[in-house]
Protein backbone atom coordinates (compact mmCIF):
# COMPACT_ATOMS: atom_id res chain seq x y z
CA MET A 1 22.60 11.31 -11.49
CA ARG A 2 19.36 12.67 -12.80
CA VAL A 3 19.47 14.78 -15.97
CA GLU A 4 16.26 16.37 -17.19
CA ILE A 5 17.34 17.78 -20.56
CA ASP A 6 15.63 16.57 -23.72
CA GLY A 7 18.05 14.73 -26.02
CA TRP A 8 20.95 14.53 -23.54
CA ASN A 9 21.38 10.82 -24.33
CA GLU A 10 20.24 10.91 -27.94
CA PHE A 11 23.35 9.12 -29.25
CA ASP A 12 24.38 5.56 -28.42
CA LYS A 13 27.31 5.41 -25.96
CA GLU A 14 27.92 9.17 -25.84
CA TYR A 15 26.25 12.07 -24.10
CA ALA A 16 26.83 15.63 -22.98
CA PHE A 17 25.14 18.07 -20.67
CA VAL A 18 25.74 21.39 -18.95
CA TYR A 19 25.83 21.37 -15.15
CA ALA A 20 24.96 24.50 -13.21
CA ASN A 21 24.72 24.87 -9.45
CA PRO A 22 22.39 27.76 -8.57
CA LYS A 23 24.09 28.10 -5.15
CA ILE A 24 27.39 29.01 -6.88
CA GLY A 25 25.94 31.56 -9.29
CA SER A 26 25.95 31.62 -13.07
CA LYS A 27 29.03 29.41 -13.59
CA ARG A 28 28.33 26.42 -15.84
CA ILE A 29 30.32 23.27 -16.52
CA LEU A 30 30.13 21.32 -19.79
CA VAL A 31 30.43 17.55 -19.26
CA LYS A 32 31.01 15.25 -22.27
CA CYS A 33 31.10 11.47 -21.85
CA LEU A 34 31.89 8.61 -24.23
CA ALA A 35 31.86 4.84 -23.64
CA MET A 36 34.75 3.23 -25.52
CA GLY A 37 35.59 -0.43 -24.93
CA ASP A 38 35.98 -0.98 -21.20
CA LYS A 39 36.39 2.74 -20.39
CA HIS A 40 34.27 5.81 -19.90
CA LEU A 41 36.04 8.90 -21.22
CA VAL A 42 34.94 12.14 -19.56
CA ALA A 43 35.87 15.71 -20.53
CA ILE A 44 34.93 18.58 -18.23
CA ASP A 45 35.18 22.21 -19.36
CA ASP A 46 34.47 25.03 -16.94
CA GLY A 47 35.74 27.76 -19.25
CA GLY A 48 39.20 27.74 -17.69
CA ALA A 49 42.53 27.50 -19.48
CA GLU A 50 42.38 23.74 -20.16
CA PRO A 51 39.56 21.23 -19.90
CA ALA A 52 40.01 18.31 -17.51
CA HIS A 53 39.98 14.73 -18.80
CA LEU A 54 39.21 11.55 -16.93
CA ASP A 55 39.40 7.90 -18.08
CA ILE A 56 37.38 5.48 -15.97
CA LYS A 57 37.87 1.75 -16.47
CA TYR A 58 34.83 -0.25 -15.52
CA VAL A 59 34.17 -3.88 -14.89
CA MET A 60 30.70 -5.37 -15.05
CA VAL A 61 29.87 -7.64 -12.14
CA LEU A 62 26.89 -9.96 -12.37
CA ILE A 63 25.25 -10.91 -9.09
CA SER A 64 22.78 -13.76 -9.09
């Protein structure tokens, strides 16, 4: 993903940005992400009744 917003990753292990698709119109989606232990926690808010939450467990694989 390419994000071209100054300061979007200003904090260590956490970031947030607003996603907008010009083909859909003026609707915007706020995406907040946080790395905690072996998980990425993601909250997505599109202005609806309740924001969506996603926990992604990741495993680092080293290839030599």
